[in-house]
Amino acid sequence: MKTKRQEKILEIIAEKPIETQEQLLEALKEAGMHVTQATISRDMKELHLIKEQTGRGSYHYVASVHKATFHNAGKLRTIFRESVSSFDCAQNIVVLKTMPGLASAACAALDHMNISVLVGSLAGDDTVLLIMRDNESALHFCEDIRKMIE
């Protein structure tokens, strides 16, 4: 039910300009879906709907172009947290130990986190090598890792 409702919301905002939650509620009712404003509000948050200005100066709801990034960020952090078993740093290099076969997944998760101090990464089977900009960045990143996997 939720998936169909959210698909319908995306369909509605793609077909016509919806400026308010009330207009969206009405459009859903016309489509045979009776929901509450609170449900619509939650759906809009989960779908990452934003208001975008039209050429006429009014605003209407659209799906964020960053939706995939928002949606995947949590999954990537979970993959990273679940795969790393230990870590340490030596100067500007951080070494992560992972469960067997999960180094590539942990490395991919890090690559998609857009970490500005991360120069590059290399994954083996159960080890990830991270090259940081400087020694201080490596130390701070180890502390971030500690917080992330606790």
N, C-alpha and C. Protein backbone atom coordinates (compact mmCIF):
# COMPACT_ATOMS: atom_id res chain seq x y z
N MET A 1 0.82 -1.19 0.00
CA MET A 1 0.00 0.00 0.00
C MET A 1 0.87 1.26 0.00
N LYS A 2 1.86 1.29 0.88
CA LYS A 2 2.73 2.46 0.98
C LYS A 2 3.48 2.68 -0.33
N THR A 3 4.03 1.62 -0.90
CA THR A 3 4.78 1.73 -2.14
C THR A 3 3.90 2.26 -3.26
N LYS A 4 2.68 1.72 -3.37
CA LYS A 4 1.76 2.18 -4.42
C LYS A 4 1.39 3.65 -4.21
N ARG A 5 1.17 4.03 -2.96
CA ARG A 5 0.81 5.41 -2.65
C ARG A 5 1.96 6.35 -3.01
N GLN A 6 3.18 5.95 -2.65
CA GLN A 6 4.33 6.80 -2.97
C GLN A 6 4.57 6.87 -4.47
N GLU A 7 4.37 5.78 -5.17
CA GLU A 7 4.48 5.80 -6.63
C GLU A 7 3.45 6.76 -7.22
N LYS A 8 2.24 6.73 -6.66
CA LYS A 8 1.17 7.61 -7.14
C LYS A 8 1.51 9.07 -6.87
N ILE A 9 2.12 9.35 -5.71
CA ILE A 9 2.53 10.72 -5.39
C ILE A 9 3.52 11.22 -6.42
N LEU A 10 4.51 10.39 -6.74
CA LEU A 10 5.51 10.79 -7.74
C LEU A 10 4.87 11.00 -9.11
N GLU A 11 3.91 10.15 -9.44
CA GLU A 11 3.20 10.29 -10.71
C GLU A 11 2.41 11.60 -10.75
N ILE A 12 1.73 11.92 -9.65
CA ILE A 12 0.91 13.14 -9.59
C ILE A 12 1.77 14.39 -9.73
N ILE A 13 2.88 14.45 -8.98
CA ILE A 13 3.69 15.68 -9.04
C ILE A 13 4.41 15.81 -10.38
N ALA A 14 4.58 14.69 -11.09
CA ALA A 14 5.19 14.75 -12.43
C ALA A 14 4.18 15.25 -13.46
N GLU A 15 2.89 14.96 -13.23
CA GLU A 15 1.86 15.31 -14.21
C GLU A 15 1.33 16.73 -14.07
N LYS A 16 1.26 17.23 -12.83
CA LYS A 16 0.71 18.58 -12.65
C LYS A 16 1.40 19.28 -11.48
N PRO A 17 1.37 20.62 -11.52
CA PRO A 17 2.03 21.36 -10.45
C PRO A 17 1.22 21.28 -9.14
N ILE A 18 1.83 20.71 -8.14
CA ILE A 18 1.21 20.60 -6.81
C ILE A 18 1.95 21.56 -5.89
N GLU A 19 1.24 22.57 -5.39
CA GLU A 19 1.88 23.60 -4.59
C GLU A 19 1.75 23.36 -3.08
N THR A 20 0.76 22.59 -2.66
CA THR A 20 0.53 22.38 -1.23
C THR A 20 0.23 20.92 -0.94
N GLN A 21 0.39 20.54 0.32
CA GLN A 21 0.04 19.19 0.73
C GLN A 21 -1.46 18.95 0.56
N GLU A 22 -2.25 19.98 0.76
CA GLU A 22 -3.70 19.86 0.59
C GLU A 22 -4.06 19.50 -0.85
N GLN A 23 -3.38 20.13 -1.81
CA GLN A 23 -3.61 19.79 -3.22
C GLN A 23 -3.21 18.35 -3.50
N LEU A 24 -2.14 17.91 -2.88
CA LEU A 24 -1.71 16.53 -3.06
C LEU A 24 -2.72 15.56 -2.45
N LEU A 25 -3.23 15.90 -1.26
CA LEU A 25 -4.27 15.07 -0.64
C LEU A 25 -5.49 14.95 -1.54
N GLU A 26 -5.89 16.07 -2.12
CA GLU A 26 -7.06 16.07 -3.01
C GLU A 26 -6.80 15.22 -4.25
N ALA A 27 -5.62 15.34 -4.83
CA ALA A 27 -5.29 14.54 -6.02
C ALA A 27 -5.27 13.05 -5.68
N LEU A 28 -4.78 12.70 -4.50
CA LEU A 28 -4.78 11.29 -4.09
C LEU A 28 -6.21 10.80 -3.88
N LYS A 29 -7.07 11.63 -3.32
CA LYS A 29 -8.48 11.25 -3.14
C LYS A 29 -9.15 11.00 -4.48
N GLU A 30 -8.85 11.87 -5.45
CA GLU A 30 -9.39 11.70 -6.80
C GLU A 30 -8.92 10.40 -7.43
N ALA A 31 -7.74 9.95 -7.01
CA ALA A 31 -7.18 8.68 -7.52
C ALA A 31 -7.67 7.49 -6.69
N GLY A 32 -8.54 7.74 -5.72
CA GLY A 32 -9.09 6.66 -4.91
C GLY A 32 -8.27 6.29 -3.69
N MET A 33 -7.34 7.13 -3.31
CA MET A 33 -6.52 6.86 -2.14
C MET A 33 -6.86 7.87 -1.05
N HIS A 34 -7.40 7.40 0.05
CA HIS A 34 -7.76 8.27 1.16
C HIS A 34 -6.74 8.11 2.27
N VAL A 35 -5.96 9.18 2.49
CA VAL A 35 -4.91 9.17 3.50
C VAL A 35 -4.97 10.45 4.31
N THR A 36 -4.23 10.46 5.41
CA THR A 36 -4.20 11.65 6.26
C THR A 36 -3.06 12.57 5.85
N GLN A 37 -3.13 13.80 6.34
CA GLN A 37 -2.08 14.77 6.06
C GLN A 37 -0.77 14.30 6.68
N ALA A 38 -0.81 13.68 7.85
CA ALA A 38 0.41 13.18 8.51
C ALA A 38 1.09 12.11 7.65
N THR A 39 0.30 11.24 7.05
CA THR A 39 0.85 10.20 6.17
C THR A 39 1.51 10.83 4.96
N ILE A 40 0.84 11.82 4.37
CA ILE A 40 1.41 12.52 3.21
C ILE A 40 2.72 13.19 3.59
N SER A 41 2.75 13.80 4.75
CA SER A 41 3.96 14.48 5.21
C SER A 41 5.13 13.50 5.34
N ARG A 42 4.87 12.32 5.92
CA ARG A 42 5.90 11.29 6.05
C ARG A 42 6.36 10.80 4.67
N ASP A 43 5.39 10.56 3.79
CA ASP A 43 5.73 10.11 2.43
C ASP A 43 6.60 11.13 1.72
N MET A 44 6.26 12.40 1.86
CA MET A 44 7.02 13.45 1.19
C MET A 44 8.46 13.49 1.72
N LYS A 45 8.61 13.27 3.01
CA LYS A 45 9.95 13.26 3.59
C LYS A 45 10.74 12.07 3.07
N GLU A 46 10.12 10.88 3.05
CA GLU A 46 10.79 9.67 2.57
C GLU A 46 11.14 9.76 1.09
N LEU A 47 10.30 10.45 0.32
CA LEU A 47 10.53 10.60 -1.12
C LEU A 47 11.47 11.77 -1.43
N HIS A 48 11.84 12.52 -0.41
CA HIS A 48 12.72 13.68 -0.55
C HIS A 48 12.14 14.68 -1.55
N LEU A 49 10.85 14.99 -1.37
CA LEU A 49 10.23 15.99 -2.21
C LEU A 49 10.65 17.37 -1.73
N ILE A 50 10.91 18.24 -2.69
CA ILE A 50 11.28 19.61 -2.37
C ILE A 50 10.40 20.54 -3.19
N LYS A 51 10.33 21.81 -2.76
CA LYS A 51 9.59 22.80 -3.53
C LYS A 51 10.56 23.50 -4.45
N GLU A 52 10.14 23.61 -5.71
CA GLU A 52 10.97 24.24 -6.73
C GLU A 52 10.19 25.40 -7.33
N GLN A 53 10.88 26.48 -7.60
CA GLN A 53 10.22 27.65 -8.16
C GLN A 53 9.92 27.43 -9.64
N THR A 54 8.71 27.80 -10.02
CA THR A 54 8.32 27.71 -11.44
C THR A 54 8.69 29.00 -12.13
N GLY A 55 8.54 29.06 -13.43
CA GLY A 55 8.80 30.28 -14.19
C GLY A 55 7.85 31.40 -13.84
N ARG A 56 6.69 31.07 -13.27
CA ARG A 56 5.68 32.07 -12.92
C ARG A 56 5.89 32.65 -11.52
N GLY A 57 6.94 32.20 -10.82
CA GLY A 57 7.20 32.74 -9.49
C GLY A 57 6.55 31.94 -8.37
N SER A 58 5.73 30.95 -8.71
CA SER A 58 5.12 30.11 -7.68
C SER A 58 6.03 28.90 -7.45
N TYR A 59 5.67 28.10 -6.47
CA TYR A 59 6.47 26.92 -6.13
C TYR A 59 5.62 25.67 -6.25
N HIS A 60 6.24 24.56 -6.65
CA HIS A 60 5.55 23.28 -6.68
C HIS A 60 6.51 22.17 -6.25
N TYR A 61 5.93 21.04 -5.85
CA TYR A 61 6.74 19.91 -5.37
C TYR A 61 7.36 19.14 -6.53
N VAL A 62 8.62 18.75 -6.32
CA VAL A 62 9.35 17.89 -7.27
C VAL A 62 10.18 16.90 -6.46
N ALA A 63 10.57 15.81 -7.10
CA ALA A 63 11.46 14.85 -6.45
C ALA A 63 12.88 15.41 -6.53
N SER A 64 13.60 15.38 -5.43
CA SER A 64 14.95 15.90 -5.38
C SER A 64 15.86 15.12 -6.32
N VAL A 65 16.74 15.83 -7.01
CA VAL A 65 17.71 15.15 -7.88
C VAL A 65 18.73 14.39 -7.03
N HIS A 66 18.81 14.69 -5.74
CA HIS A 66 19.75 14.04 -4.83
C HIS A 66 19.11 12.86 -4.09
N LYS A 67 17.91 12.47 -4.48
CA LYS A 67 17.20 11.41 -3.77
C LYS A 67 18.02 10.14 -3.66
N ALA A 68 18.62 9.71 -4.75
CA ALA A 68 19.40 8.48 -4.72
C ALA A 68 20.56 8.59 -3.74
N THR A 69 21.18 9.75 -3.71
CA THR A 69 22.29 9.96 -2.78
C THR A 69 21.80 9.87 -1.35
N PHE A 70 20.67 10.54 -1.02
CA PHE A 70 20.12 10.48 0.33
C PHE A 70 19.76 9.06 0.71
N HIS A 71 19.11 8.39 -0.22
CA HIS A 71 18.63 7.03 0.04
C HIS A 71 19.79 6.06 0.26
N ASN A 72 20.82 6.21 -0.54
CA ASN A 72 21.94 5.28 -0.47
C ASN A 72 22.92 5.58 0.66
N ALA A 73 22.96 6.82 1.13
CA ALA A 73 23.93 7.18 2.16
C ALA A 73 23.79 6.31 3.40
N GLY A 74 22.57 6.11 3.86
CA GLY A 74 22.34 5.27 5.04
C GLY A 74 22.75 3.83 4.79
N LYS A 75 22.45 3.32 3.62
CA LYS A 75 22.82 1.95 3.29
C LYS A 75 24.34 1.79 3.24
N LEU A 76 25.01 2.78 2.67
CA LEU A 76 26.47 2.72 2.57
C LEU A 76 27.11 2.74 3.96
N ARG A 77 26.59 3.55 4.85
CA ARG A 77 27.12 3.60 6.21
C ARG A 77 26.89 2.27 6.92
N THR A 78 25.76 1.65 6.69
CA THR A 78 25.47 0.35 7.30
C THR A 78 26.44 -0.70 6.77
N ILE A 79 26.67 -0.72 5.47
CA ILE A 79 27.61 -1.67 4.87
C ILE A 79 28.98 -1.47 5.50
N PHE A 80 29.41 -0.22 5.60
CA PHE A 80 30.72 0.07 6.16
C PHE A 80 30.79 -0.40 7.62
N ARG A 81 29.81 -0.02 8.41
CA ARG A 81 29.79 -0.36 9.84
C ARG A 81 29.80 -1.86 10.06
N GLU A 82 29.06 -2.60 9.25
CA GLU A 82 28.93 -4.04 9.43
C GLU A 82 30.15 -4.81 8.90
N SER A 83 30.91 -4.23 7.99
CA SER A 83 32.01 -4.98 7.39
C SER A 83 33.36 -4.77 8.08
N VAL A 84 33.57 -3.62 8.73
CA VAL A 84 34.87 -3.31 9.33
C VAL A 84 35.01 -3.99 10.68
N SER A 85 36.13 -4.71 10.85
CA SER A 85 36.38 -5.38 12.14
C SER A 85 37.44 -4.66 12.96
N SER A 86 38.39 -3.98 12.31
CA SER A 86 39.39 -3.20 13.03
C SER A 86 40.02 -2.18 12.09
N PHE A 87 40.76 -1.24 12.66
CA PHE A 87 41.41 -0.21 11.86
C PHE A 87 42.58 0.37 12.64
N ASP A 88 43.51 0.96 11.90
CA ASP A 88 44.65 1.63 12.53
C ASP A 88 45.25 2.57 11.49
N CYS A 89 46.09 3.49 11.96
CA CYS A 89 46.72 4.40 11.01
C CYS A 89 48.23 4.45 11.26
N ALA A 90 48.95 4.73 10.20
CA ALA A 90 50.39 4.93 10.24
C ALA A 90 50.66 6.15 9.36
N GLN A 91 50.97 7.24 10.00
CA GLN A 91 51.15 8.53 9.34
C GLN A 91 49.88 8.88 8.56
N ASN A 92 49.95 9.04 7.25
CA ASN A 92 48.75 9.44 6.50
C ASN A 92 48.00 8.25 5.88
N ILE A 93 48.32 7.04 6.32
CA ILE A 93 47.68 5.84 5.78
C ILE A 93 46.80 5.21 6.85
N VAL A 94 45.56 4.90 6.47
CA VAL A 94 44.64 4.20 7.36
C VAL A 94 44.41 2.81 6.78
N VAL A 95 44.52 1.80 7.63
CA VAL A 95 44.31 0.41 7.20
C VAL A 95 43.07 -0.11 7.92
N LEU A 96 42.14 -0.61 7.14
CA LEU A 96 40.92 -1.21 7.69
C LEU A 96 40.99 -2.71 7.48
N LYS A 97 40.63 -3.47 8.49
CA LYS A 97 40.47 -4.92 8.36
C LYS A 97 38.97 -5.17 8.33
N THR A 98 38.55 -6.01 7.39
CA THR A 98 37.13 -6.32 7.26
C THR A 98 36.92 -7.83 7.37
N MET A 99 35.66 -8.20 7.40
CA MET A 99 35.32 -9.61 7.32
C MET A 99 35.75 -10.09 5.93
N PRO A 100 36.11 -11.36 5.78
CA PRO A 100 36.57 -11.87 4.48
C PRO A 100 35.58 -11.55 3.35
N GLY A 101 36.13 -11.03 2.26
CA GLY A 101 35.33 -10.73 1.08
C GLY A 101 34.61 -9.40 1.10
N LEU A 102 34.71 -8.64 2.20
CA LEU A 102 33.94 -7.40 2.31
C LEU A 102 34.78 -6.12 2.17
N ALA A 103 36.05 -6.24 1.89
CA ALA A 103 36.88 -5.05 1.76
C ALA A 103 36.40 -4.16 0.60
N SER A 104 36.05 -4.76 -0.51
CA SER A 104 35.57 -3.97 -1.66
C SER A 104 34.29 -3.21 -1.33
N ALA A 105 33.41 -3.85 -0.58
CA ALA A 105 32.15 -3.19 -0.19
C ALA A 105 32.44 -2.01 0.74
N ALA A 106 33.32 -2.21 1.71
CA ALA A 106 33.67 -1.12 2.63
C ALA A 106 34.33 0.02 1.86
N CYS A 107 35.21 -0.32 0.94
CA CYS A 107 35.91 0.67 0.13
C CYS A 107 34.93 1.45 -0.76
N ALA A 108 34.02 0.76 -1.38
CA ALA A 108 33.01 1.42 -2.22
C ALA A 108 32.15 2.35 -1.38
N ALA A 109 31.78 1.92 -0.19
CA ALA A 109 30.98 2.77 0.69
C ALA A 109 31.74 4.05 1.01
N LEU A 110 33.00 3.94 1.34
CA LEU A 110 33.82 5.12 1.64
C LEU A 110 33.94 6.02 0.42
N ASP A 111 34.16 5.44 -0.74
CA ASP A 111 34.30 6.24 -1.96
C ASP A 111 33.06 7.07 -2.24
N HIS A 112 31.89 6.56 -1.88
CA HIS A 112 30.64 7.28 -2.13
C HIS A 112 30.27 8.25 -1.02
N MET A 113 31.06 8.31 0.03
CA MET A 113 30.79 9.24 1.13
C MET A 113 31.41 10.62 0.89
N ASN A 114 32.13 10.77 -0.21
CA ASN A 114 32.73 12.07 -0.57
C ASN A 114 33.54 12.66 0.58
N ILE A 115 34.53 11.93 1.04
CA ILE A 115 35.38 12.37 2.14
C ILE A 115 36.51 13.20 1.54
N SER A 116 36.52 14.48 1.84
CA SER A 116 37.46 15.41 1.19
C SER A 116 38.92 15.11 1.50
N VAL A 117 39.22 14.55 2.66
CA VAL A 117 40.61 14.27 3.03
C VAL A 117 41.09 12.92 2.55
N LEU A 118 40.23 12.16 1.90
CA LEU A 118 40.59 10.85 1.36
C LEU A 118 41.13 11.02 -0.06
N VAL A 119 42.41 10.74 -0.25
CA VAL A 119 43.05 10.90 -1.56
C VAL A 119 42.74 9.70 -2.45
N GLY A 120 42.79 8.50 -1.86
CA GLY A 120 42.53 7.30 -2.64
C GLY A 120 42.34 6.09 -1.75
N SER A 121 41.82 5.03 -2.33
CA SER A 121 41.58 3.81 -1.57
C SER A 121 41.89 2.60 -2.44
N LEU A 122 42.26 1.51 -1.77
CA LEU A 122 42.58 0.27 -2.45
C LEU A 122 42.07 -0.88 -1.59
N ALA A 123 41.34 -1.80 -2.20
CA ALA A 123 40.75 -2.91 -1.44
C ALA A 123 41.28 -4.25 -1.91
N GLY A 124 41.54 -5.10 -0.95
CA GLY A 124 41.87 -6.48 -1.24
C GLY A 124 40.68 -7.34 -0.86
N ASP A 125 40.92 -8.50 -0.29
CA ASP A 125 39.84 -9.38 0.14
C ASP A 125 39.29 -8.96 1.50
N ASP A 126 40.19 -8.73 2.45
CA ASP A 126 39.76 -8.37 3.80
C ASP A 126 40.53 -7.19 4.36
N THR A 127 41.18 -6.42 3.49
CA THR A 127 41.96 -5.27 3.92
C THR A 127 41.73 -4.10 2.97
N VAL A 128 41.58 -2.90 3.56
CA VAL A 128 41.42 -1.68 2.78
C VAL A 128 42.56 -0.75 3.16
N LEU A 129 43.20 -0.17 2.18
CA LEU A 129 44.26 0.81 2.37
C LEU A 129 43.71 2.16 1.95
N LEU A 130 43.73 3.13 2.87
CA LEU A 130 43.24 4.47 2.59
C LEU A 130 44.40 5.45 2.69
N ILE A 131 44.57 6.27 1.69
CA ILE A 131 45.61 7.29 1.72
C ILE A 131 44.92 8.62 1.98
N MET A 132 45.29 9.23 3.10
CA MET A 132 44.69 10.49 3.51
C MET A 132 45.62 11.64 3.12
N ARG A 133 45.12 12.86 3.12
CA ARG A 133 45.91 14.03 2.73
C ARG A 133 47.14 14.23 3.61
N ASP A 134 46.98 14.02 4.93
CA ASP A 134 48.09 14.23 5.85
C ASP A 134 47.89 13.38 7.10
N ASN A 135 48.87 13.39 7.96
CA ASN A 135 48.83 12.58 9.18
C ASN A 135 47.65 12.96 10.08
N GLU A 136 47.42 14.24 10.22
CA GLU A 136 46.32 14.71 11.08
C GLU A 136 44.97 14.24 10.55
N SER A 137 44.78 14.28 9.25
CA SER A 137 43.54 13.81 8.64
C SER A 137 43.32 12.33 8.94
N ALA A 138 44.41 11.56 8.89
CA ALA A 138 44.31 10.12 9.17
C ALA A 138 43.87 9.89 10.61
N LEU A 139 44.45 10.64 11.55
CA LEU A 139 44.06 10.50 12.96
C LEU A 139 42.59 10.87 13.18
N HIS A 140 42.18 11.98 12.60
CA HIS A 140 40.78 12.41 12.74
C HIS A 140 39.84 11.41 12.09
N PHE A 141 40.24 10.87 10.95
CA PHE A 141 39.39 9.90 10.27
C PHE A 141 39.25 8.62 11.08
N CYS A 142 40.33 8.21 11.75
CA CYS A 142 40.23 7.03 12.63
C CYS A 142 39.22 7.28 13.74
N GLU A 143 39.20 8.49 14.26
CA GLU A 143 38.21 8.80 15.30
C GLU A 143 36.79 8.77 14.71
N ASP A 144 36.63 9.26 13.48
CA ASP A 144 35.32 9.19 12.81
C ASP A 144 34.89 7.73 12.61
N ILE A 145 35.85 6.89 12.23
CA ILE A 145 35.55 5.46 12.04
C ILE A 145 35.09 4.85 13.36
N ARG A 146 35.80 5.18 14.42
CA ARG A 146 35.44 4.65 15.75
C ARG A 146 33.98 5.00 16.08
N LYS A 147 33.60 6.26 15.85
CA LYS A 147 32.22 6.70 16.12
C LYS A 147 31.23 5.99 15.20
N MET A 148 31.63 5.79 13.95
CA MET A 148 30.74 5.19 12.97
C MET A 148 30.43 3.73 13.28
N ILE A 149 31.42 2.99 13.76
CA ILE A 149 31.20 1.55 13.96
C ILE A 149 30.78 1.19 15.39
N GLU A 150 30.73 2.16 16.28
CA GLU A 150 30.28 1.86 17.65
C GLU A 150 28.79 1.68 17.71
